[in-house]
Protein backbone atom coordinates (compact mmCIF):
# COMPACT_ATOMS: atom_id res chain seq x y z
CA UNK A 1 34.35 4.59 -25.57
CA UNK A 2 31.65 6.92 -24.24
CA UNK A 3 31.08 6.56 -20.50
CA UNK A 4 27.67 5.72 -19.06
CA UNK A 5 27.60 9.14 -17.41
CA UNK A 6 28.02 10.87 -20.77
CA UNK A 7 25.44 8.61 -22.43
CA UNK A 8 22.91 9.39 -19.69
CA UNK A 9 23.52 13.13 -19.96
CA UNK A 10 23.18 13.00 -23.74
CA UNK A 11 19.90 11.08 -23.51
CA UNK A 12 18.52 13.55 -20.98
CA UNK A 13 19.53 16.52 -23.11
CA UNK A 14 17.78 15.03 -26.12
CA UNK A 15 14.46 14.90 -24.27
CA UNK A 16 14.66 18.10 -22.22
CA UNK A 17 12.01 20.72 -23.03
CA UNK A 18 13.94 23.78 -24.32
CA UNK A 19 11.81 26.42 -22.60
CA UNK A 20 11.71 24.82 -19.14
CA UNK A 21 13.89 25.58 -16.15
CA UNK A 22 15.69 22.48 -14.86
CA UNK A 23 16.64 22.26 -11.18
CA UNK A 24 18.65 19.32 -9.84
CA UNK A 25 17.96 17.65 -6.49
CA UNK A 26 19.85 14.92 -4.65
CA UNK A 27 16.96 12.53 -4.02
CA UNK A 28 15.67 10.04 -6.60
CA UNK A 29 12.40 11.88 -7.07
CA UNK A 30 11.10 14.57 -9.35
CA UNK A 31 8.26 16.90 -10.23
CA UNK A 32 7.26 19.05 -13.17
CA UNK A 33 5.41 22.32 -12.52
CA UNK A 34 3.56 23.32 -15.69
CA UNK A 35 2.40 26.67 -14.28
CA UNK A 36 5.96 27.97 -13.97
CA UNK A 37 7.60 25.60 -16.47
CA UNK A 38 10.08 24.19 -13.99
CA UNK A 39 11.20 20.57 -13.73
CA UNK A 40 12.94 19.33 -10.58
CA UNK A 41 14.79 16.03 -10.86
CA UNK A 42 18.11 14.39 -9.99
CA UNK A 43 21.06 15.13 -12.24
CA UNK A 44 20.89 12.38 -14.90
CA UNK A 45 24.38 10.94 -14.48
CA UNK A 46 23.39 7.35 -13.64
CA UNK A 47 20.75 5.04 -15.08
CA UNK A 48 18.50 5.41 -12.04
CA UNK A 49 18.72 9.19 -11.94
CA UNK A 50 18.23 9.34 -15.71
CA UNK A 51 15.07 7.30 -15.41
CA UNK A 52 13.56 9.71 -12.88
CA UNK A 53 14.62 12.64 -15.04
CA UNK A 54 13.03 11.15 -18.16
CA UNK A 55 9.83 10.33 -16.29
CA UNK A 56 9.32 14.02 -15.53
CA UNK A 57 10.41 14.99 -19.04
CA UNK A 58 7.78 12.58 -20.38
CA UNK A 59 5.02 14.34 -18.44
CA UNK A 60 6.06 17.53 -20.23
CA UNK A 61 6.36 15.94 -23.67
CA UNK A 62 2.99 14.21 -23.29
CA UNK A 63 1.33 17.43 -22.15
CA UNK A 64 0.03 15.96 -18.89
CA UNK A 65 -1.86 18.88 -17.42
CA UNK A 66 -4.75 17.18 -15.66
CA UNK A 67 -6.35 15.96 -18.88
CA UNK A 68 -6.30 12.30 -17.90
CA UNK A 69 -6.65 10.31 -14.66
CA UNK A 70 -3.44 10.31 -12.61
CA UNK A 71 -2.92 6.55 -12.94
CA UNK A 72 -3.06 6.85 -16.75
CA UNK A 73 -0.66 9.80 -16.84
CA UNK A 74 1.83 8.01 -14.61
CA UNK A 75 1.67 4.84 -16.69
CA UNK A 76 2.28 6.82 -19.88
CA UNK A 77 5.23 8.67 -18.33
CA UNK A 78 6.76 5.43 -17.04
CA UNK A 79 6.45 3.73 -20.42
CA UNK A 80 7.85 6.74 -22.25
CA UNK A 81 10.87 6.89 -19.94
CA UNK A 82 11.50 3.21 -20.61
CA UNK A 83 11.20 3.75 -24.37
CA UNK A 84 13.63 6.68 -24.44
CA UNK A 85 16.27 4.79 -22.48
CA UNK A 86 15.97 1.75 -24.70
CA UNK A 87 16.18 3.89 -27.84
CA UNK A 88 19.45 5.27 -26.47
CA UNK A 89 20.73 1.77 -25.81
CA UNK A 90 20.74 2.31 -22.05
CA UNK A 91 19.35 -0.64 -20.04
CA UNK A 92 16.61 0.26 -17.58
CA UNK A 93 17.49 -1.00 -14.07
CA UNK A 94 15.08 -3.69 -12.94
CA UNK A 95 14.60 -1.84 -9.66
CA UNK A 96 13.27 1.17 -11.55
CA UNK A 97 10.84 -0.94 -13.58
CA UNK A 98 9.56 -2.55 -10.39
CA UNK A 99 9.28 0.83 -8.72
CA UNK A 100 7.44 2.26 -11.74
CA UNK A 101 4.79 -0.47 -11.72
CA UNK A 102 4.31 -0.18 -7.97
CA UNK A 103 3.86 3.58 -8.32
CA UNK A 104 1.15 3.20 -10.94
CA UNK A 105 -0.46 0.55 -8.74
CA UNK A 106 -0.63 3.01 -5.83
CA UNK A 107 -2.27 5.59 -8.09
CA UNK A 108 -4.88 3.00 -9.07
CA UNK A 109 -5.56 2.16 -5.43
CA UNK A 110 -5.97 5.87 -4.67
CA UNK A 111 -8.42 6.23 -7.54
CA UNK A 112 -10.52 3.29 -6.31
CA UNK A 113 -10.59 4.64 -2.74
CA UNK A 114 -11.74 8.02 -4.06
CA UNK A 115 -14.64 6.46 -5.92
CA UNK A 116 -13.31 6.36 -9.48
CA UNK A 117 -15.95 5.20 -11.93
CA UNK A 118 -13.40 3.69 -14.28
CA UNK A 119 -9.90 2.23 -13.98
CA UNK A 120 -7.95 2.12 -17.20
CA UNK A 121 -7.35 -1.59 -17.97
CA UNK A 122 -4.01 -0.94 -19.66
CA UNK A 123 -2.75 0.88 -16.55
CA UNK A 124 -4.01 -1.92 -14.30
CA UNK A 125 -2.22 -4.43 -16.50
CA UNK A 126 1.01 -2.43 -16.53
CA UNK A 127 0.98 -2.21 -12.74
CA UNK A 128 0.17 -5.91 -12.43
CA UNK A 129 -2.99 -4.97 -10.53
CA UNK A 130 -4.65 -7.86 -12.27
CA UNK A 131 -7.64 -10.02 -11.48
CA UNK A 132 -9.94 -7.63 -9.72
CA UNK A 133 -13.53 -6.52 -10.08
CA UNK A 134 -15.12 -3.10 -10.03
CA UNK A 135 -18.85 -2.78 -9.45
CA UNK A 136 -20.01 0.68 -10.45
CA UNK A 137 -17.76 2.87 -8.26
CA UNK A 138 -16.53 0.51 -5.56
CA UNK A 139 -14.18 -2.43 -5.58
CA UNK A 140 -15.43 -5.95 -4.97
CA UNK A 141 -12.92 -8.23 -3.33
CA UNK A 142 -11.70 -11.04 -5.57
CA UNK A 143 -12.64 -13.75 -3.06
CA UNK A 144 -16.33 -12.72 -3.19
CA UNK A 145 -16.64 -14.23 -6.65
CA UNK A 146 -17.82 -17.80 -6.65
CA UNK A 147 -15.33 -20.60 -7.23
CA UNK A 148 -16.87 -21.26 -10.63
CA UNK A 149 -16.58 -17.60 -11.63
CA UNK A 150 -12.95 -17.49 -10.54
CA UNK A 151 -12.11 -20.65 -12.47
CA UNK A 152 -13.71 -19.21 -15.58
CA UNK A 153 -11.75 -16.00 -15.38
CA UNK A 154 -8.44 -17.56 -14.33
CA UNK A 155 -7.86 -18.91 -17.81
CA UNK A 156 -6.65 -15.41 -18.58
CA UNK A 157 -3.23 -14.07 -17.58
CA UNK A 158 -4.88 -10.73 -16.87
CA UNK A 159 -8.43 -9.59 -16.40
CA UNK A 160 -10.44 -6.64 -15.15
CA UNK A 161 -14.18 -7.15 -14.75
CA UNK A 162 -16.47 -4.16 -14.41
CA UNK A 163 -20.22 -3.83 -14.07
CA UNK A 164 -22.12 -0.89 -15.52
CA UNK A 165 -25.68 0.34 -15.64
CA UNK A 166 -27.26 2.44 -18.40
CA UNK A 167 -30.84 3.22 -17.52
CA UNK A 168 -32.45 -0.09 -16.60
CA UNK A 169 -29.85 -2.16 -18.41
CA UNK A 170 -26.95 -3.66 -16.45
CA UNK A 171 -24.06 -5.36 -18.16
CA UNK A 172 -20.59 -6.67 -17.47
CA UNK A 173 -17.45 -5.61 -19.32
CA UNK A 174 -14.40 -7.86 -19.30
CA UNK A 175 -10.94 -6.71 -20.33
CA UNK A 176 -8.83 -9.82 -20.71
CA UNK A 177 -5.50 -11.00 -22.05
CA UNK A 178 -3.68 -14.30 -22.37
CA UNK A 179 -0.32 -12.53 -22.65
CA UNK A 180 1.32 -11.14 -19.52
CA UNK A 181 2.86 -8.37 -21.62
CA UNK A 182 -0.54 -7.08 -22.66
CA UNK A 183 -0.12 -7.71 -26.38
CA UNK A 184 -3.54 -9.36 -26.56
CA UNK A 185 -5.76 -6.91 -24.73
CA UNK A 186 -9.44 -6.97 -25.67
CA UNK A 187 -12.80 -5.91 -24.26
CA UNK A 188 -15.97 -7.99 -24.20
CA UNK A 189 -19.47 -7.17 -22.97
CA UNK A 190 -22.35 -9.37 -21.89
CA UNK A 191 -25.28 -9.75 -19.55
CA UNK A 192 -23.60 -12.50 -17.52
CA UNK A 193 -20.06 -13.55 -16.67
CA UNK A 194 -20.34 -16.93 -18.49
CA UNK A 195 -21.56 -15.12 -21.59
CA UNK A 196 -18.61 -12.76 -21.85
CA UNK A 197 -16.11 -15.46 -20.88
CA UNK A 198 -17.44 -17.59 -23.73
CA UNK A 199 -16.99 -14.68 -26.13
CA UNK A 200 -13.50 -13.98 -24.84
CA UNK A 201 -12.45 -17.62 -25.13
CA UNK A 202 -13.63 -17.74 -28.74
CA UNK A 203 -11.59 -14.66 -29.62
CA UNK A 204 -8.44 -15.17 -27.56
CA UNK A 205 -7.87 -18.89 -27.10
């Protein structure tokens, strides 16, 4: 029977970019430098070290060279690492899944603090940074919504509410889901919160 060490090494080899230099480090952290085509990661001999290795390999495979917001790139790399391990029949440690979501959550928080005009709803959902509101470029605390507004939105397992302005027209956009896994993720727009909640209810519930 093939050992877990050998299975991890085989999985890593399958997803290693052929023209990149791979350098091992002892810590459970990694980085991929596109300019010099070098990936630094732990030797993938355990499930945890393999996960970190595949995360960096995913950045390379997905061509993440500043083309998307950091929180989106990190979410995509985390999900790809999960997918590759599962395809190989190697269970992803729960600690790594928890760590992955927390990491994407920190990237979202950084983006909000830096004045991001848009937070990707799928990334927010993945990181469980759910039930929050963005007004133009700054975050509005959840508790500032009225009780009625909160009760309307809390029928959803996940929601992100954003307010936009195009010329003189202001409108709300709601991304909502009734499934904690994000399988029912939809966007709705309207002039008022009750209006878009009504539309979302009709479509999702």
